N, C-alpha and C. Protein backbone atom coordinates (compact mmCIF):
# COMPACT_ATOMS: atom_id res chain seq x y z
N MET A 1 38.03 18.56 -4.34
CA MET A 1 37.72 17.14 -5.42
C MET A 1 37.13 16.43 -4.57
N ALA A 2 36.85 15.70 -5.65
CA ALA A 2 35.23 14.44 -4.48
C ALA A 2 35.60 13.82 -3.65
N VAL A 3 34.76 13.15 -2.71
CA VAL A 3 35.50 12.51 -1.54
C VAL A 3 34.86 11.60 -1.48
N PRO A 4 35.53 10.43 -1.06
CA PRO A 4 33.74 9.07 -1.05
C PRO A 4 33.01 9.62 -0.31
N LYS A 5 31.34 8.59 -0.15
CA LYS A 5 31.46 8.69 1.34
C LYS A 5 31.56 7.39 1.97
N LYS A 6 31.20 7.52 2.87
CA LYS A 6 31.92 6.34 3.98
C LYS A 6 30.63 5.39 3.50
N LYS A 7 31.28 3.97 4.15
CA LYS A 7 30.33 2.83 3.94
C LYS A 7 29.08 2.30 4.53
N THR A 8 27.51 1.97 4.34
CA THR A 8 27.14 1.98 5.43
C THR A 8 27.13 0.22 5.76
N SER A 9 26.82 0.26 6.60
CA SER A 9 27.41 -1.00 7.59
C SER A 9 26.33 -1.77 7.41
N LYS A 10 26.09 -2.95 7.19
CA LYS A 10 25.37 -4.24 6.70
C LYS A 10 24.07 -4.40 7.57
N SER A 11 24.08 -3.89 8.68
CA SER A 11 22.84 -4.18 9.73
C SER A 11 22.34 -2.64 9.18
N LYS A 12 22.95 -1.67 8.99
CA LYS A 12 21.66 -0.69 8.73
C LYS A 12 20.68 -0.75 7.66
N ARG A 13 21.57 -1.60 6.27
CA ARG A 13 21.56 -1.45 5.25
C ARG A 13 20.25 -2.58 4.92
N ASP A 14 20.35 -3.80 5.71
CA ASP A 14 19.44 -4.42 6.47
C ASP A 14 17.79 -4.32 7.49
N SER A 15 18.62 -3.39 7.97
CA SER A 15 17.44 -2.51 8.38
C SER A 15 16.58 -2.11 8.05
N ARG A 16 16.91 -0.83 6.84
CA ARG A 16 16.57 -0.20 6.63
C ARG A 16 15.58 -0.72 5.35
N LYS A 17 16.36 -1.77 4.44
CA LYS A 17 15.37 -2.95 3.85
C LYS A 17 14.00 -4.03 3.97
N ALA A 18 14.30 -4.92 5.26
CA ALA A 18 13.56 -4.68 6.27
C ALA A 18 12.07 -3.79 6.48
N THR A 19 12.42 -2.76 7.03
CA THR A 19 11.46 -1.35 7.35
C THR A 19 10.57 -1.18 5.55
N TRP A 20 11.34 -1.04 4.42
CA TRP A 20 10.76 -1.14 3.73
C TRP A 20 9.89 -2.05 3.05
N LYS A 21 10.19 -3.32 3.08
CA LYS A 21 9.97 -4.87 2.78
C LYS A 21 8.26 -4.56 3.83
N ARG A 22 8.60 -4.41 5.14
CA ARG A 22 7.29 -4.49 6.11
C ARG A 22 6.14 -3.77 5.92
N LYS A 23 6.63 -2.35 5.36
CA LYS A 23 6.09 -1.29 5.10
C LYS A 23 4.50 -1.99 3.70
N ALA A 24 4.99 -2.49 2.64
CA ALA A 24 5.10 -3.38 1.01
C ALA A 24 3.64 -4.45 1.94
N ALA A 25 4.24 -4.79 2.24
CA ALA A 25 3.26 -6.52 3.11
C ALA A 25 2.33 -5.33 4.30
N LEU A 26 2.43 -4.15 4.84
CA LEU A 26 1.25 -3.95 5.52
C LEU A 26 0.19 -3.51 4.31
N GLN A 27 0.80 -2.63 2.87
CA GLN A 27 0.12 -1.66 2.08
C GLN A 27 -0.69 -3.01 1.77
N ALA A 28 -0.23 -3.92 1.40
CA ALA A 28 -0.63 -4.94 0.36
C ALA A 28 -1.86 -5.36 0.85
N GLN A 29 -2.09 -5.43 2.68
CA GLN A 29 -2.55 -6.32 3.76
C GLN A 29 -4.13 -5.66 3.35
N ARG A 30 -3.66 -4.61 3.59
CA ARG A 30 -4.58 -3.26 3.69
C ARG A 30 -5.87 -3.21 2.11
N ALA A 31 -4.83 -3.49 1.21
CA ALA A 31 -5.35 -3.35 0.24
C ALA A 31 -6.40 -4.61 -0.45
N LEU A 32 -5.83 -5.78 0.49
CA LEU A 32 -6.57 -7.08 -0.36
C LEU A 32 -8.41 -6.56 1.30
N SER A 33 -7.97 -6.49 2.09
CA SER A 33 -8.64 -6.17 3.11
C SER A 33 -10.06 -5.24 1.80
N LEU A 34 -9.69 -3.93 1.58
CA LEU A 34 -10.15 -2.99 1.25
C LEU A 34 -10.71 -3.96 0.07
N GLY A 35 -10.25 -4.86 -0.50
CA GLY A 35 -10.97 -5.33 -1.62
C GLY A 35 -12.26 -6.30 -1.50
N LYS A 36 -11.60 -6.82 -0.46
CA LYS A 36 -12.48 -8.41 0.12
C LYS A 36 -14.52 -7.63 0.81
N SER A 37 -13.76 -6.23 1.37
CA SER A 37 -14.83 -5.64 2.26
C SER A 37 -16.17 -5.38 1.11
N ILE A 38 -15.03 -4.97 -0.19
CA ILE A 38 -15.79 -4.42 -1.55
C ILE A 38 -16.74 -5.55 -2.03
N LEU A 39 -16.27 -6.30 -1.82
CA LEU A 39 -16.70 -7.35 -2.76
C LEU A 39 -17.82 -7.78 -2.42
N THR A 40 -17.83 -8.11 -0.63
CA THR A 40 -19.00 -8.24 0.44
C THR A 40 -20.08 -7.59 0.62
N GLY A 41 -19.96 -5.72 -0.23
CA GLY A 41 -20.80 -4.74 0.24
C GLY A 41 -20.54 -3.72 1.58
N ARG A 42 -19.16 -4.97 2.58
CA ARG A 42 -19.32 -4.06 3.94
C ARG A 42 -18.82 -3.21 4.36
N ALA A 43 -17.76 -2.58 2.48
CA ALA A 43 -17.16 -0.85 2.69
C ALA A 43 -18.20 -0.07 3.38
N ARG A 44 -17.46 0.93 3.98
CA ARG A 44 -17.97 1.68 4.70
C ARG A 44 -17.45 2.91 4.51
N GLY A 45 -15.80 3.21 4.55
CA GLY A 45 -15.09 3.70 4.09
C GLY A 45 -15.08 4.03 2.23
N PHE A 46 -15.12 3.61 1.96
CA PHE A 46 -14.95 3.56 0.64
C PHE A 46 -16.18 4.09 0.15
N VAL A 47 -15.96 4.87 -0.95
CA VAL A 47 -16.92 5.66 -1.81
C VAL A 47 -16.68 5.10 -3.75
N TYR A 48 -16.93 4.47 -4.27
CA TYR A 48 -17.12 4.43 -5.67
C TYR A 48 -18.59 3.83 -6.34
N PRO A 49 -18.45 4.48 -7.12
CA PRO A 49 -20.25 4.10 -7.88
C PRO A 49 -20.17 2.88 -8.52
N THR A 50 -21.59 2.49 -8.28
CA THR A 50 -22.00 1.20 -8.87
C THR A 50 -22.42 1.60 -10.25
N LYS A 51 -23.09 0.17 -11.18
CA LYS A 51 -23.33 0.19 -12.14
C LYS A 51 -24.76 1.18 -11.84
N ASP A 52 -25.05 0.79 -11.60
CA ASP A 52 -27.09 1.22 -11.23
C ASP A 52 -26.73 2.46 -11.25
N GLU A 53 -25.81 3.68 -10.74
CA GLU A 53 -25.54 4.43 -9.79
C GLU A 53 -25.39 5.43 -11.81
N ASP A 54 -24.86 4.67 -12.20
CA ASP A 54 -24.25 4.89 -13.45
C ASP A 54 -24.87 5.37 -14.50
N THR A 55 -25.35 4.32 -15.02
CA THR A 55 -26.64 4.13 -15.77
C THR A 55 -27.64 5.00 -15.54
N ASP A 56 -27.74 5.82 -14.23
CA ASP A 56 -29.02 6.70 -13.91
C ASP A 56 -28.78 7.73 -14.27
N GLU A 57 -27.45 8.50 -14.16
CA GLU A 57 -26.79 10.17 -14.52
C GLU A 57 -27.10 9.53 -16.49
N GLU A 58 -26.70 8.60 -16.73
CA GLU A 58 -27.10 9.06 -18.80
C GLU A 58 -28.41 9.07 -19.28
């Protein structure tokens, strides 16, 4: 017969949720930073095709 699991405490639940939100905020910040560096032309660790390179290949 199935036995119900023990209830998770509010502090444990809130801690888990806060960690998840902190990770999401950090990833959003990194994505915004990368986008800004690409727009300014300072991106060095990110390789992407430009329109000039695309027309040369065709």
